C-alpha atoms as a PDB file:
ATOM      1  CA  MET A   1     -10.834  -0.110 -24.569  1.00  0.00           C
ATOM      2  CA  GLY A   2     -12.313  -1.464 -21.196  1.00  0.00           C
ATOM      3  CA  ASP A   3     -10.542  -3.753 -18.820  1.00  0.00           C
ATOM      4  CA  THR A   4      -7.133  -5.014 -18.561  1.00  0.00           C
ATOM      5  CA  THR A   5      -4.629  -6.739 -16.238  1.00  0.00           C
ATOM      6  CA  PHE A   6      -1.699  -4.832 -14.776  1.00  0.00           C
ATOM      7  CA  THR A   7       0.700  -7.280 -16.853  1.00  0.00           C
ATOM      8  CA  GLU A   8      -1.141  -6.495 -20.003  1.00  0.00           C
ATOM      9  CA  LEU A   9      -0.981  -2.652 -19.270  1.00  0.00           C
ATOM     10  CA  ARG A  10       2.745  -2.907 -18.616  1.00  0.00           C
ATOM     11  CA  ASN A  11       3.392  -4.879 -21.650  1.00  0.00           C
ATOM     12  CA  HIS A  12       1.254  -2.663 -23.980  1.00  0.00           C
ATOM     13  CA  ALA A  13       1.345   0.718 -22.292  1.00  0.00           C
ATOM     14  CA  LYS A  14       1.416   2.796 -25.499  1.00  0.00           C
ATOM     15  CA  ARG A  15      -1.731   1.021 -26.972  1.00  0.00           C
ATOM     16  CA  TYR A  16      -3.757   1.722 -23.696  1.00  0.00           C
ATOM     17  CA  PHE A  17      -2.457   5.303 -23.343  1.00  0.00           C
ATOM     18  CA  ASP A  18      -3.423   5.915 -27.003  1.00  0.00           C
ATOM     19  CA  ALA A  19      -6.949   4.767 -26.307  1.00  0.00           C
ATOM     20  CA  VAL A  20      -7.226   6.968 -23.153  1.00  0.00           C
ATOM     21  CA  GLU A  21      -5.908   9.975 -25.115  1.00  0.00           C
ATOM     22  CA  ALA A  22      -8.810   9.211 -27.632  1.00  0.00           C
ATOM     23  CA  GLY A  23     -11.295   9.302 -24.964  1.00  0.00           C
ATOM     24  CA  ALA A  24     -11.560   5.786 -23.519  1.00  0.00           C
ATOM     25  CA  THR A  25     -11.352   4.699 -19.966  1.00  0.00           C
ATOM     26  CA  VAL A  26      -9.408   1.669 -18.899  1.00  0.00           C
ATOM     27  CA  ARG A  27      -9.871  -0.282 -15.664  1.00  0.00           C
ATOM     28  CA  VAL A  28      -6.722  -2.061 -14.491  1.00  0.00           C
ATOM     29  CA  PHE A  29      -6.997  -5.296 -12.517  1.00  0.00           C
ATOM     30  CA  ARG A  30      -4.405  -7.028 -10.261  1.00  0.00           C
ATOM     31  CA  ASN A  31      -5.176 -10.604  -9.108  1.00  0.00           C
ATOM     32  CA  GLY A  32      -8.756 -10.175 -10.231  1.00  0.00           C
ATOM     33  CA  LYS A  33      -9.294  -7.070  -8.158  1.00  0.00           C
ATOM     34  CA  PRO A  34      -9.662  -3.587  -9.776  1.00  0.00           C
ATOM     35  CA  ILE A  35      -6.787  -1.275  -8.683  1.00  0.00           C
ATOM     36  CA  ALA A  36      -7.134   1.654 -10.942  1.00  0.00           C
ATOM     37  CA  ASP A  37      -9.151   3.503 -13.667  1.00  0.00           C
ATOM     38  CA  ILE A  38      -7.202   5.469 -16.090  1.00  0.00           C
ATOM     39  CA  VAL A  39      -9.308   8.300 -17.491  1.00  0.00           C
ATOM     40  CA  PRO A  40      -8.784  11.046 -19.927  1.00  0.00           C
ATOM     41  CA  ILE A  41      -8.272  14.611 -18.640  1.00  0.00           C
ATOM     42  CA  ARG A  42     -10.867  16.950 -19.790  1.00  0.00           C
ATOM     43  CA  ALA A  43      -9.212  19.829 -21.824  1.00  0.00           C
ATOM     44  CA  GLY A  44      -9.780  23.181 -20.717  1.00  0.00           C
ATOM     45  CA  VAL A  45     -10.920  22.561 -17.276  1.00  0.00           C
ATOM     46  CA  ALA A  46      -8.804  23.551 -14.182  1.00  0.00           C
ATOM     47  CA  SER A  47      -7.643  20.700 -12.041  1.00  0.00           C
ATOM     48  CA  TRP A  48      -9.587  21.858  -9.011  1.00  0.00           C
ATOM     49  CA  LYS A  49     -12.795  21.893 -11.127  1.00  0.00           C
ATOM     50  CA  ARG A  50     -12.468  18.267 -12.265  1.00  0.00           C
ATOM     51  CA  GLN A  51     -14.706  15.661 -10.876  1.00  0.00           C
ATOM     52  CA  ALA A  52     -13.163  13.909  -7.972  1.00  0.00           C
ATOM     53  CA  THR A  53     -14.218  11.285  -5.433  1.00  0.00           C
ATOM     54  CA  PRO A  54     -14.941  13.119  -2.013  1.00  0.00           C
ATOM     55  CA  LEU A  55     -12.897  12.093   0.854  1.00  0.00           C
ATOM     56  CA  THR A  56     -14.586  10.508   3.691  1.00  0.00           C
ATOM     57  CA  ILE A  57     -13.156   9.812   7.021  1.00  0.00           C
ATOM     58  CA  LYS A  58     -14.936   7.791   9.646  1.00  0.00           C
ATOM     59  CA  GLY A  59     -14.647   8.776  13.236  1.00  0.00           C
ATOM     60  CA  ILE A  60     -15.052  12.024  15.246  1.00  0.00           C
ATOM     61  CA  ALA A  61     -14.517  15.491  13.555  1.00  0.00           C
ATOM     62  CA  LEU A  62     -11.062  16.916  14.207  1.00  0.00           C
ATOM     63  CA  SER A  63     -12.515  20.202  15.486  1.00  0.00           C
ATOM     64  CA  ARG A  64     -14.890  18.456  17.911  1.00  0.00           C
ATOM     65  CA  GLU A  65     -12.018  16.357  19.265  1.00  0.00           C
ATOM     66  CA  ILE A  66      -9.819  19.560  19.835  1.00  0.00           C
ATOM     67  CA  LEU A  67     -12.559  21.265  21.567  1.00  0.00           C
ATOM     68  CA  SER A  68     -13.214  18.241  23.924  1.00  0.00           C
ATOM     69  CA  ASP A  69      -9.611  17.984  24.548  1.00  0.00           C
ATOM     70  CA  ARG A  70      -9.594  21.745  25.614  1.00  0.00           C
ATOM     71  CA  ASP A  71     -12.549  21.199  28.023  1.00  0.00           C
ATOM     72  CA  GLU A  72     -10.780  18.292  29.720  1.00  0.00           C
ATOM     73  CA  SER A  73      -7.545  20.266  30.268  1.00  0.00           C
ATOM     74  CA  VAL A  74      -9.351  23.100  32.167  1.00  0.00           C
END
């Protein structure tokens, strides 16, 4: 099915979700910027085994910050 705008998705949601159910992926745009991908859920795969984008956080590791704070308080 491809790409669509948020307004088009809202106005024709059934058509897009039927396509996703059939295996298609739909990318949703708002003001020309992609905001979401609607993808089919693979049947028979536990949610914790599904492919996901890894979480990345910039900055110092929390455990390192806690140890640093403990060293300063002694």
